[in-house]
Amino acid sequence: MPTGTLLMLLSAGLLLLAGLLKLLLFFSVVQEGLRQRQVSVDDGLLALRGSFSRYTRIYLGMLSEEERRQPGNRWVAGLQWLLPVLTMVFVASVIFRFRW
């Protein structure tokens, strides 16, 4: 298997895994945390508007230092920056795959 194809498949798998994990953490950690703080979360328009990142930023901004150290919140914060990085790696691997 060519190197470009292997790199593309690996980066696509990592991107998919990170996206699913972020989605799971959003519904189990972020959404519940916002509701506990009486922040209204519009469930119906989340997927249409792409508001996951906005609600996640609001949630992370509301956390105390102690809450930020909890494992679920640390994963949420890590995926907030990791997902765009993995997206760029995937795009670069697709370009590498089809360019050479």
N, C-alpha and C. Protein backbone atom coordinates (compact mmCIF):
# COMPACT_ATOMS: atom_id res chain seq x y z
N MET A 1 0.85 -1.17 0.00
CA MET A 1 0.00 0.00 0.00
C MET A 1 0.90 1.24 0.00
N PRO A 2 0.64 2.18 -0.87
CA PRO A 2 1.47 3.39 -0.93
C PRO A 2 1.39 4.20 0.37
N THR A 3 2.44 4.93 0.63
CA THR A 3 2.54 5.72 1.85
C THR A 3 1.42 6.76 1.95
N GLY A 4 1.09 7.43 0.85
CA GLY A 4 0.04 8.44 0.86
C GLY A 4 -1.31 7.88 1.23
N THR A 5 -1.61 6.69 0.71
CA THR A 5 -2.89 6.06 1.03
C THR A 5 -2.94 5.65 2.49
N LEU A 6 -1.85 5.10 2.99
CA LEU A 6 -1.79 4.70 4.39
C LEU A 6 -1.94 5.90 5.31
N LEU A 7 -1.26 6.98 5.00
CA LEU A 7 -1.37 8.21 5.79
C LEU A 7 -2.78 8.77 5.75
N MET A 8 -3.41 8.73 4.58
CA MET A 8 -4.76 9.24 4.44
C MET A 8 -5.76 8.40 5.25
N LEU A 9 -5.64 7.09 5.18
CA LEU A 9 -6.55 6.22 5.94
C LEU A 9 -6.35 6.37 7.43
N LEU A 10 -5.11 6.47 7.87
CA LEU A 10 -4.83 6.65 9.29
C LEU A 10 -5.37 7.97 9.80
N SER A 11 -5.15 9.04 9.07
CA SER A 11 -5.65 10.34 9.50
C SER A 11 -7.17 10.40 9.45
N ALA A 12 -7.79 9.74 8.47
CA ALA A 12 -9.25 9.71 8.40
C ALA A 12 -9.82 8.95 9.59
N GLY A 13 -9.20 7.85 9.95
CA GLY A 13 -9.65 7.08 11.11
C GLY A 13 -9.52 7.86 12.41
N LEU A 14 -8.40 8.54 12.58
CA LEU A 14 -8.20 9.36 13.78
C LEU A 14 -9.20 10.52 13.84
N LEU A 15 -9.45 11.14 12.70
CA LEU A 15 -10.41 12.24 12.65
C LEU A 15 -11.82 11.75 12.99
N LEU A 16 -12.20 10.63 12.44
CA LEU A 16 -13.52 10.07 12.72
C LEU A 16 -13.65 9.70 14.19
N LEU A 17 -12.64 9.07 14.75
CA LEU A 17 -12.65 8.69 16.16
C LEU A 17 -12.74 9.92 17.06
N ALA A 18 -11.95 10.95 16.77
CA ALA A 18 -11.98 12.17 17.57
C ALA A 18 -13.33 12.88 17.46
N GLY A 19 -13.90 12.89 16.26
CA GLY A 19 -15.21 13.51 16.08
C GLY A 19 -16.31 12.80 16.84
N LEU A 20 -16.28 11.48 16.81
CA LEU A 20 -17.29 10.72 17.56
C LEU A 20 -17.11 10.89 19.06
N LEU A 21 -15.87 10.93 19.52
CA LEU A 21 -15.60 11.14 20.94
C LEU A 21 -16.05 12.52 21.38
N LYS A 22 -15.81 13.53 20.55
CA LYS A 22 -16.25 14.89 20.89
C LYS A 22 -17.78 14.96 20.95
N LEU A 23 -18.44 14.30 20.03
CA LEU A 23 -19.90 14.27 20.02
C LEU A 23 -20.44 13.58 21.28
N LEU A 24 -19.85 12.46 21.63
CA LEU A 24 -20.26 11.74 22.84
C LEU A 24 -20.03 12.59 24.08
N LEU A 25 -18.86 13.21 24.19
CA LEU A 25 -18.57 14.05 25.35
C LEU A 25 -19.46 15.29 25.38
N PHE A 26 -19.81 15.80 24.22
CA PHE A 26 -20.70 16.96 24.21
C PHE A 26 -22.03 16.62 24.86
N PHE A 27 -22.62 15.50 24.44
CA PHE A 27 -23.94 15.16 24.97
C PHE A 27 -23.89 14.66 26.41
N SER A 28 -22.78 14.07 26.82
CA SER A 28 -22.73 13.53 28.18
C SER A 28 -22.14 14.51 29.19
N VAL A 29 -21.25 15.40 28.78
CA VAL A 29 -20.58 16.30 29.73
C VAL A 29 -21.02 17.75 29.53
N VAL A 30 -20.84 18.26 28.34
CA VAL A 30 -21.07 19.69 28.09
C VAL A 30 -22.54 20.05 28.21
N GLN A 31 -23.38 19.31 27.53
CA GLN A 31 -24.81 19.65 27.55
C GLN A 31 -25.40 19.54 28.95
N GLU A 32 -25.03 18.51 29.67
CA GLU A 32 -25.52 18.36 31.05
C GLU A 32 -24.96 19.46 31.95
N GLY A 33 -23.69 19.81 31.77
CA GLY A 33 -23.10 20.87 32.56
C GLY A 33 -23.75 22.22 32.31
N LEU A 34 -24.10 22.50 31.06
CA LEU A 34 -24.78 23.75 30.75
C LEU A 34 -26.18 23.78 31.34
N ARG A 35 -26.86 22.66 31.29
CA ARG A 35 -28.21 22.62 31.87
C ARG A 35 -28.18 22.78 33.38
N GLN A 36 -27.16 22.23 34.04
CA GLN A 36 -27.02 22.40 35.49
C GLN A 36 -26.78 23.87 35.85
N ARG A 37 -26.19 24.61 34.94
CA ARG A 37 -25.93 26.04 35.17
C ARG A 37 -27.03 26.92 34.58
N GLN A 38 -28.15 26.34 34.22
CA GLN A 38 -29.32 27.03 33.67
C GLN A 38 -29.02 27.80 32.39
N VAL A 39 -28.14 27.26 31.55
CA VAL A 39 -27.90 27.83 30.22
C VAL A 39 -28.76 27.04 29.25
N SER A 40 -29.59 27.74 28.49
CA SER A 40 -30.47 27.03 27.57
C SER A 40 -29.67 26.51 26.37
N VAL A 41 -29.91 25.25 26.05
CA VAL A 41 -29.25 24.61 24.92
C VAL A 41 -30.33 24.23 23.93
N ASP A 42 -30.25 24.79 22.73
CA ASP A 42 -31.25 24.54 21.70
C ASP A 42 -30.90 23.24 20.98
N ASP A 43 -31.52 22.13 21.40
CA ASP A 43 -31.19 20.82 20.86
C ASP A 43 -31.48 20.70 19.37
N GLY A 44 -32.57 21.26 18.93
CA GLY A 44 -32.99 21.05 17.55
C GLY A 44 -32.09 21.68 16.51
N LEU A 45 -31.48 22.79 16.84
CA LEU A 45 -30.68 23.51 15.86
C LEU A 45 -29.19 23.25 15.97
N LEU A 46 -28.77 22.40 16.92
CA LEU A 46 -27.35 22.15 17.12
C LEU A 46 -26.67 21.66 15.85
N ALA A 47 -27.23 20.65 15.24
CA ALA A 47 -26.60 20.06 14.06
C ALA A 47 -26.68 21.00 12.85
N LEU A 48 -27.75 21.76 12.76
CA LEU A 48 -27.92 22.65 11.62
C LEU A 48 -26.99 23.85 11.67
N ARG A 49 -26.78 24.40 12.85
CA ARG A 49 -25.97 25.61 12.96
C ARG A 49 -24.51 25.33 13.26
N GLY A 50 -24.18 24.11 13.63
CA GLY A 50 -22.81 23.82 14.00
C GLY A 50 -22.40 24.50 15.28
N SER A 51 -23.28 24.50 16.27
CA SER A 51 -23.05 25.23 17.51
C SER A 51 -22.30 24.44 18.57
N PHE A 52 -21.83 23.25 18.23
CA PHE A 52 -21.15 22.43 19.24
C PHE A 52 -19.95 23.15 19.83
N SER A 53 -19.13 23.76 18.98
CA SER A 53 -17.93 24.45 19.46
C SER A 53 -18.29 25.67 20.30
N ARG A 54 -19.31 26.38 19.89
CA ARG A 54 -19.71 27.57 20.65
C ARG A 54 -20.19 27.20 22.04
N TYR A 55 -21.07 26.19 22.13
CA TYR A 55 -21.55 25.75 23.43
C TYR A 55 -20.40 25.18 24.27
N THR A 56 -19.45 24.51 23.63
CA THR A 56 -18.32 23.95 24.37
C THR A 56 -17.44 25.07 24.91
N ARG A 57 -17.20 26.11 24.13
CA ARG A 57 -16.41 27.25 24.61
C ARG A 57 -17.11 27.94 25.78
N ILE A 58 -18.42 28.10 25.70
CA ILE A 58 -19.18 28.69 26.81
C ILE A 58 -19.02 27.83 28.06
N TYR A 59 -19.17 26.52 27.89
CA TYR A 59 -19.07 25.61 29.03
C TYR A 59 -17.68 25.65 29.65
N LEU A 60 -16.64 25.59 28.83
CA LEU A 60 -15.28 25.61 29.36
C LEU A 60 -14.97 26.93 30.06
N GLY A 61 -15.54 28.01 29.60
CA GLY A 61 -15.34 29.30 30.25
C GLY A 61 -16.01 29.41 31.59
N MET A 62 -17.05 28.62 31.83
CA MET A 62 -17.78 28.66 33.09
C MET A 62 -17.18 27.77 34.17
N LEU A 63 -16.24 26.93 33.82
CA LEU A 63 -15.70 25.97 34.78
C LEU A 63 -14.74 26.62 35.76
N SER A 64 -14.78 26.14 37.01
CA SER A 64 -13.79 26.57 38.00
C SER A 64 -12.51 25.77 37.76
N GLU A 65 -11.46 26.17 38.44
CA GLU A 65 -10.17 25.48 38.28
C GLU A 65 -10.27 24.02 38.70
N GLU A 66 -11.02 23.74 39.73
CA GLU A 66 -11.20 22.36 40.20
C GLU A 66 -11.97 21.52 39.18
N GLU A 67 -13.00 22.11 38.59
CA GLU A 67 -13.79 21.39 37.59
C GLU A 67 -12.98 21.13 36.32
N ARG A 68 -12.06 22.02 35.99
CA ARG A 68 -11.25 21.83 34.79
C ARG A 68 -10.33 20.62 34.90
N ARG A 69 -10.00 20.24 36.14
CA ARG A 69 -9.09 19.11 36.34
C ARG A 69 -9.80 17.76 36.26
N GLN A 70 -11.11 17.75 36.19
CA GLN A 70 -11.83 16.49 36.09
C GLN A 70 -11.58 15.86 34.72
N PRO A 71 -11.47 14.53 34.68
CA PRO A 71 -11.09 13.85 33.42
C PRO A 71 -12.00 14.17 32.23
N GLY A 72 -13.29 14.16 32.42
CA GLY A 72 -14.20 14.44 31.30
C GLY A 72 -14.00 15.84 30.73
N ASN A 73 -13.81 16.81 31.61
CA ASN A 73 -13.61 18.18 31.17
C ASN A 73 -12.24 18.36 30.51
N ARG A 74 -11.25 17.62 30.96
CA ARG A 74 -9.93 17.70 30.32
C ARG A 74 -10.00 17.13 28.90
N TRP A 75 -10.76 16.06 28.71
CA TRP A 75 -10.93 15.49 27.36
C TRP A 75 -11.66 16.47 26.46
N VAL A 76 -12.69 17.12 27.01
CA VAL A 76 -13.44 18.10 26.21
C VAL A 76 -12.52 19.23 25.76
N ALA A 77 -11.71 19.75 26.69
CA ALA A 77 -10.79 20.84 26.35
C ALA A 77 -9.74 20.39 25.34
N GLY A 78 -9.23 19.18 25.49
CA GLY A 78 -8.23 18.67 24.55
C GLY A 78 -8.79 18.48 23.16
N LEU A 79 -9.99 17.94 23.07
CA LEU A 79 -10.60 17.73 21.75
C LEU A 79 -11.02 19.03 21.09
N GLN A 80 -11.22 20.07 21.90
CA GLN A 80 -11.61 21.37 21.34
C GLN A 80 -10.52 21.89 20.39
N TRP A 81 -9.26 21.65 20.69
CA TRP A 81 -8.19 22.09 19.80
C TRP A 81 -7.66 20.96 18.93
N LEU A 82 -7.81 19.70 19.37
CA LEU A 82 -7.26 18.58 18.61
C LEU A 82 -8.03 18.31 17.32
N LEU A 83 -9.34 18.47 17.34
CA LEU A 83 -10.15 18.17 16.16
C LEU A 83 -9.78 19.05 14.95
N PRO A 84 -9.61 20.36 15.11
CA PRO A 84 -9.17 21.15 13.94
C PRO A 84 -7.77 20.75 13.45
N VAL A 85 -6.89 20.37 14.38
CA VAL A 85 -5.55 19.94 13.98
C VAL A 85 -5.64 18.65 13.16
N LEU A 86 -6.45 17.70 13.62
CA LEU A 86 -6.62 16.45 12.89
C LEU A 86 -7.27 16.68 11.53
N THR A 87 -8.16 17.65 11.45
CA THR A 87 -8.78 17.98 10.17
C THR A 87 -7.74 18.50 9.18
N MET A 88 -6.84 19.34 9.65
CA MET A 88 -5.79 19.86 8.78
C MET A 88 -4.83 18.74 8.36
N VAL A 89 -4.53 17.82 9.26
CA VAL A 89 -3.67 16.69 8.91
C VAL A 89 -4.34 15.83 7.85
N PHE A 90 -5.64 15.61 7.99
CA PHE A 90 -6.37 14.83 7.00
C PHE A 90 -6.35 15.51 5.64
N VAL A 91 -6.61 16.81 5.61
CA VAL A 91 -6.60 17.55 4.34
C VAL A 91 -5.21 17.47 3.71
N ALA A 92 -4.18 17.64 4.53
CA ALA A 92 -2.81 17.55 4.00
C ALA A 92 -2.52 16.15 3.46
N SER A 93 -3.02 15.13 4.14
CA SER A 93 -2.77 13.76 3.66
C SER A 93 -3.51 13.48 2.36
N VAL A 94 -4.70 14.04 2.20
CA VAL A 94 -5.44 13.87 0.94
C VAL A 94 -4.69 14.56 -0.20
N ILE A 95 -4.19 15.76 0.07
CA ILE A 95 -3.41 16.47 -0.94
C ILE A 95 -2.14 15.67 -1.28
N PHE A 96 -1.47 15.17 -0.25
CA PHE A 96 -0.27 14.36 -0.46
C PHE A 96 -0.58 13.10 -1.25
N ARG A 97 -1.70 12.48 -0.95
CA ARG A 97 -2.10 11.23 -1.60
C ARG A 97 -2.35 11.43 -3.10
N PHE A 98 -3.08 12.49 -3.45
CA PHE A 98 -3.46 12.68 -4.84
C PHE A 98 -2.48 13.55 -5.62
N ARG A 99 -1.60 14.20 -4.93
CA ARG A 99 -0.62 15.04 -5.62
C ARG A 99 0.57 14.21 -6.10
N TRP A 100 1.00 13.25 -5.29
CA TRP A 100 2.19 12.45 -5.65
C TRP A 100 1.83 11.04 -5.89
